[in-house]
Amino acid sequence: MINFNKYILFVREVCNYRKWKKDWSCGGCYIHLEASEFIEAVRGKGDPVEELGDVLFTVLAVADYYDVDPTEALNKNIAKHKRLLRKDGFIQ
């Protein structure tokens, strides 16, 4: 199991070493690029697992830059979808 906090430290180290910018402008472009490469891989033009790793790496790098806690983000997302499923009567 991946520990987000340890992984983010690794992401930060790599980005700092490579001098990759993670602000909204550069980081946003990186996220867009990596998401597009993931979609292309799913369509058979690459390795989807590798590309998904790049998407996650990039999103976490930008989240780290803006001090957004990924665990909190995932917990909020789970709560949101549970609320929607309850509203639709799918779960209690």
N, C-alpha and C. Protein backbone atom coordinates (compact mmCIF):
# COMPACT_ATOMS: atom_id res chain seq x y z
N MET A 1 0.86 -1.18 0.00
CA MET A 1 0.00 0.00 0.00
C MET A 1 0.90 1.24 0.00
N ILE A 2 0.53 2.18 -0.81
CA ILE A 2 1.29 3.43 -0.93
C ILE A 2 0.89 4.38 0.21
N ASN A 3 1.88 4.98 0.82
CA ASN A 3 1.66 6.01 1.82
C ASN A 3 1.76 7.36 1.11
N PHE A 4 0.64 8.09 1.04
CA PHE A 4 0.61 9.36 0.31
C PHE A 4 1.68 10.32 0.80
N ASN A 5 1.84 10.42 2.11
CA ASN A 5 2.80 11.39 2.64
C ASN A 5 4.23 11.07 2.19
N LYS A 6 4.60 9.80 2.21
CA LYS A 6 5.94 9.42 1.77
C LYS A 6 6.08 9.61 0.25
N TYR A 7 5.03 9.27 -0.48
CA TYR A 7 5.08 9.41 -1.93
C TYR A 7 5.19 10.88 -2.32
N ILE A 8 4.47 11.74 -1.64
CA ILE A 8 4.55 13.17 -1.94
C ILE A 8 5.94 13.71 -1.67
N LEU A 9 6.60 13.23 -0.63
CA LEU A 9 7.99 13.63 -0.40
C LEU A 9 8.88 13.22 -1.56
N PHE A 10 8.66 12.03 -2.08
CA PHE A 10 9.40 11.56 -3.24
C PHE A 10 9.11 12.43 -4.47
N VAL A 11 7.82 12.72 -4.70
CA VAL A 11 7.41 13.58 -5.82
C VAL A 11 8.09 14.94 -5.70
N ARG A 12 8.08 15.50 -4.50
CA ARG A 12 8.70 16.81 -4.26
C ARG A 12 10.19 16.77 -4.57
N GLU A 13 10.86 15.71 -4.12
CA GLU A 13 12.30 15.56 -4.39
C GLU A 13 12.57 15.52 -5.89
N VAL A 14 11.81 14.72 -6.61
CA VAL A 14 12.01 14.59 -8.06
C VAL A 14 11.78 15.94 -8.75
N CYS A 15 10.69 16.59 -8.41
CA CYS A 15 10.37 17.88 -9.04
C CYS A 15 11.42 18.94 -8.74
N ASN A 16 11.88 18.97 -7.51
CA ASN A 16 12.93 19.93 -7.15
C ASN A 16 14.22 19.63 -7.89
N TYR A 17 14.59 18.36 -7.95
CA TYR A 17 15.81 17.97 -8.64
C TYR A 17 15.73 18.33 -10.13
N ARG A 18 14.59 18.07 -10.73
CA ARG A 18 14.40 18.34 -12.16
C ARG A 18 14.07 19.81 -12.44
N LYS A 19 13.83 20.57 -11.37
CA LYS A 19 13.45 21.98 -11.49
C LYS A 19 12.14 22.16 -12.29
N TRP A 20 11.20 21.24 -12.04
CA TRP A 20 9.90 21.32 -12.70
C TRP A 20 9.02 22.30 -11.95
N LYS A 21 8.43 23.21 -12.67
CA LYS A 21 7.51 24.18 -12.08
C LYS A 21 6.16 23.49 -11.86
N LYS A 22 5.50 23.87 -10.76
CA LYS A 22 4.24 23.22 -10.42
C LYS A 22 3.11 24.23 -10.20
N ASP A 23 3.34 25.47 -10.62
CA ASP A 23 2.29 26.47 -10.45
C ASP A 23 1.10 26.14 -11.36
N TRP A 24 0.04 26.93 -11.28
CA TRP A 24 -1.18 26.60 -12.03
C TRP A 24 -0.92 26.57 -13.52
N SER A 25 -0.05 27.43 -14.02
CA SER A 25 0.21 27.50 -15.45
C SER A 25 0.97 26.27 -15.94
N CYS A 26 2.15 26.05 -15.41
CA CYS A 26 2.96 24.89 -15.84
C CYS A 26 2.34 23.59 -15.36
N GLY A 27 1.96 23.56 -14.09
CA GLY A 27 1.37 22.34 -13.53
C GLY A 27 0.10 21.95 -14.25
N GLY A 28 -0.72 22.94 -14.57
CA GLY A 28 -1.95 22.67 -15.31
C GLY A 28 -1.67 22.06 -16.68
N CYS A 29 -0.66 22.58 -17.34
CA CYS A 29 -0.27 22.03 -18.65
C CYS A 29 0.23 20.60 -18.51
N TYR A 30 1.04 20.35 -17.46
CA TYR A 30 1.55 18.99 -17.24
C TYR A 30 0.40 18.02 -16.98
N ILE A 31 -0.56 18.44 -16.16
CA ILE A 31 -1.71 17.57 -15.87
C ILE A 31 -2.47 17.26 -17.15
N HIS A 32 -2.71 18.28 -17.95
CA HIS A 32 -3.43 18.10 -19.21
C HIS A 32 -2.68 17.14 -20.13
N LEU A 33 -1.38 17.34 -20.26
CA LEU A 33 -0.56 16.49 -21.11
C LEU A 33 -0.59 15.04 -20.64
N GLU A 34 -0.38 14.83 -19.35
CA GLU A 34 -0.33 13.46 -18.84
C GLU A 34 -1.70 12.78 -18.93
N ALA A 35 -2.78 13.52 -18.70
CA ALA A 35 -4.12 12.94 -18.85
C ALA A 35 -4.36 12.54 -20.30
N SER A 36 -3.93 13.37 -21.24
CA SER A 36 -4.08 13.05 -22.67
C SER A 36 -3.27 11.81 -23.03
N GLU A 37 -2.05 11.71 -22.50
CA GLU A 37 -1.23 10.54 -22.78
C GLU A 37 -1.86 9.28 -22.19
N PHE A 38 -2.50 9.40 -21.04
CA PHE A 38 -3.20 8.26 -20.45
C PHE A 38 -4.34 7.80 -21.35
N ILE A 39 -5.13 8.75 -21.86
CA ILE A 39 -6.25 8.40 -22.75
C ILE A 39 -5.72 7.72 -24.01
N GLU A 40 -4.65 8.23 -24.56
CA GLU A 40 -4.05 7.61 -25.75
C GLU A 40 -3.58 6.19 -25.42
N ALA A 41 -3.01 5.98 -24.25
CA ALA A 41 -2.55 4.65 -23.86
C ALA A 41 -3.72 3.69 -23.71
N VAL A 42 -4.82 4.16 -23.15
CA VAL A 42 -6.01 3.33 -23.01
C VAL A 42 -6.53 2.92 -24.39
N ARG A 43 -6.33 3.79 -25.35
CA ARG A 43 -6.75 3.50 -26.73
C ARG A 43 -5.76 2.60 -27.46
N GLY A 44 -4.71 2.16 -26.77
CA GLY A 44 -3.77 1.22 -27.37
C GLY A 44 -2.45 1.81 -27.82
N LYS A 45 -2.21 3.08 -27.52
CA LYS A 45 -1.00 3.74 -27.98
C LYS A 45 -0.02 3.99 -26.84
N GLY A 46 0.20 2.99 -26.02
CA GLY A 46 1.12 3.15 -24.90
C GLY A 46 0.72 2.24 -23.75
N ASP A 47 1.38 2.41 -22.63
CA ASP A 47 1.15 1.61 -21.44
C ASP A 47 0.25 2.39 -20.47
N PRO A 48 -1.03 1.97 -20.34
CA PRO A 48 -1.95 2.71 -19.47
C PRO A 48 -1.50 2.78 -18.01
N VAL A 49 -0.86 1.73 -17.52
CA VAL A 49 -0.42 1.73 -16.12
C VAL A 49 0.67 2.78 -15.91
N GLU A 50 1.64 2.81 -16.82
CA GLU A 50 2.71 3.81 -16.72
C GLU A 50 2.14 5.23 -16.83
N GLU A 51 1.23 5.42 -17.78
CA GLU A 51 0.67 6.76 -17.99
C GLU A 51 -0.21 7.19 -16.82
N LEU A 52 -0.95 6.25 -16.22
CA LEU A 52 -1.74 6.61 -15.04
C LEU A 52 -0.81 7.01 -13.90
N GLY A 53 0.31 6.32 -13.76
CA GLY A 53 1.31 6.71 -12.76
C GLY A 53 1.79 8.13 -12.98
N ASP A 54 2.00 8.50 -14.25
CA ASP A 54 2.42 9.87 -14.56
C ASP A 54 1.34 10.89 -14.22
N VAL A 55 0.07 10.52 -14.47
CA VAL A 55 -1.05 11.42 -14.12
C VAL A 55 -1.06 11.64 -12.61
N LEU A 56 -1.00 10.55 -11.85
CA LEU A 56 -1.04 10.66 -10.40
C LEU A 56 0.15 11.45 -9.86
N PHE A 57 1.33 11.18 -10.40
CA PHE A 57 2.54 11.90 -9.99
C PHE A 57 2.33 13.40 -10.20
N THR A 58 1.86 13.77 -11.37
CA THR A 58 1.71 15.19 -11.73
C THR A 58 0.64 15.87 -10.89
N VAL A 59 -0.49 15.21 -10.71
CA VAL A 59 -1.56 15.79 -9.89
C VAL A 59 -1.07 15.98 -8.45
N LEU A 60 -0.37 14.99 -7.93
CA LEU A 60 0.14 15.12 -6.55
C LEU A 60 1.21 16.20 -6.44
N ALA A 61 2.01 16.38 -7.49
CA ALA A 61 3.02 17.44 -7.47
C ALA A 61 2.36 18.81 -7.38
N VAL A 62 1.32 19.01 -8.17
CA VAL A 62 0.62 20.30 -8.16
C VAL A 62 -0.14 20.46 -6.83
N ALA A 63 -0.76 19.40 -6.36
CA ALA A 63 -1.46 19.47 -5.06
C ALA A 63 -0.48 19.85 -3.95
N ASP A 64 0.70 19.25 -3.98
CA ASP A 64 1.72 19.56 -2.98
C ASP A 64 2.12 21.03 -3.06
N TYR A 65 2.30 21.53 -4.26
CA TYR A 65 2.70 22.93 -4.45
C TYR A 65 1.67 23.87 -3.82
N TYR A 66 0.38 23.52 -3.94
CA TYR A 66 -0.68 24.37 -3.40
C TYR A 66 -1.15 23.92 -2.02
N ASP A 67 -0.41 22.97 -1.41
CA ASP A 67 -0.71 22.48 -0.06
C ASP A 67 -2.12 21.92 0.06
N VAL A 68 -2.52 21.15 -0.95
CA VAL A 68 -3.81 20.46 -0.94
C VAL A 68 -3.55 19.02 -0.49
N ASP A 69 -4.20 18.61 0.57
CA ASP A 69 -4.01 17.27 1.14
C ASP A 69 -4.77 16.23 0.31
N PRO A 70 -4.06 15.30 -0.35
CA PRO A 70 -4.75 14.32 -1.20
C PRO A 70 -5.66 13.38 -0.41
N THR A 71 -5.29 13.07 0.83
CA THR A 71 -6.15 12.21 1.65
C THR A 71 -7.46 12.91 1.94
N GLU A 72 -7.38 14.18 2.29
CA GLU A 72 -8.60 14.96 2.52
C GLU A 72 -9.43 15.05 1.24
N ALA A 73 -8.76 15.25 0.11
CA ALA A 73 -9.47 15.34 -1.17
C ALA A 73 -10.20 14.04 -1.49
N LEU A 74 -9.53 12.91 -1.28
CA LEU A 74 -10.17 11.62 -1.55
C LEU A 74 -11.33 11.37 -0.58
N ASN A 75 -11.15 11.71 0.69
CA ASN A 75 -12.24 11.53 1.65
C ASN A 75 -13.44 12.38 1.29
N LYS A 76 -13.21 13.62 0.86
CA LYS A 76 -14.32 14.49 0.43
C LYS A 76 -15.01 13.91 -0.80
N ASN A 77 -14.22 13.36 -1.71
CA ASN A 77 -14.77 12.79 -2.93
C ASN A 77 -15.63 11.56 -2.62
N ILE A 78 -15.15 10.72 -1.71
CA ILE A 78 -15.92 9.54 -1.30
C ILE A 78 -17.24 9.98 -0.67
N ALA A 79 -17.19 10.96 0.22
CA ALA A 79 -18.40 11.46 0.88
C ALA A 79 -19.37 12.03 -0.15
N LYS A 80 -18.86 12.76 -1.12
CA LYS A 80 -19.72 13.35 -2.16
C LYS A 80 -20.45 12.25 -2.94
N HIS A 81 -19.70 11.24 -3.35
CA HIS A 81 -20.32 10.18 -4.15
C HIS A 81 -21.28 9.32 -3.33
N LYS A 82 -20.99 9.13 -2.06
CA LYS A 82 -21.94 8.43 -1.19
C LYS A 82 -23.23 9.22 -1.06
N ARG A 83 -23.10 10.55 -0.92
CA ARG A 83 -24.27 11.42 -0.85
C ARG A 83 -25.11 11.28 -2.12
N LEU A 84 -24.46 11.30 -3.26
CA LEU A 84 -25.18 11.17 -4.54
C LEU A 84 -25.84 9.81 -4.67
N LEU A 85 -25.16 8.75 -4.23
CA LEU A 85 -25.74 7.41 -4.30
C LEU A 85 -26.93 7.27 -3.35
N ARG A 86 -26.84 7.92 -2.17
CA ARG A 86 -27.98 7.92 -1.25
C ARG A 86 -29.16 8.67 -1.88
N LYS A 87 -28.88 9.81 -2.46
CA LYS A 87 -29.92 10.62 -3.11
C LYS A 87 -30.62 9.81 -4.19
N ASP A 88 -29.87 9.00 -4.92
CA ASP A 88 -30.44 8.18 -5.99
C ASP A 88 -31.07 6.89 -5.46
N GLY A 89 -30.97 6.65 -4.15
CA GLY A 89 -31.54 5.45 -3.56
C GLY A 89 -30.70 4.20 -3.78
N PHE A 90 -29.50 4.35 -4.23
CA PHE A 90 -28.64 3.20 -4.50
C PHE A 90 -28.09 2.60 -3.21
N ILE A 91 -27.78 3.46 -2.22
CA ILE A 91 -27.32 2.99 -0.91
C ILE A 91 -28.14 3.69 0.15
N GLN A 92 -28.09 3.14 1.36
CA GLN A 92 -28.82 3.73 2.50
C GLN A 92 -28.04 4.86 3.10
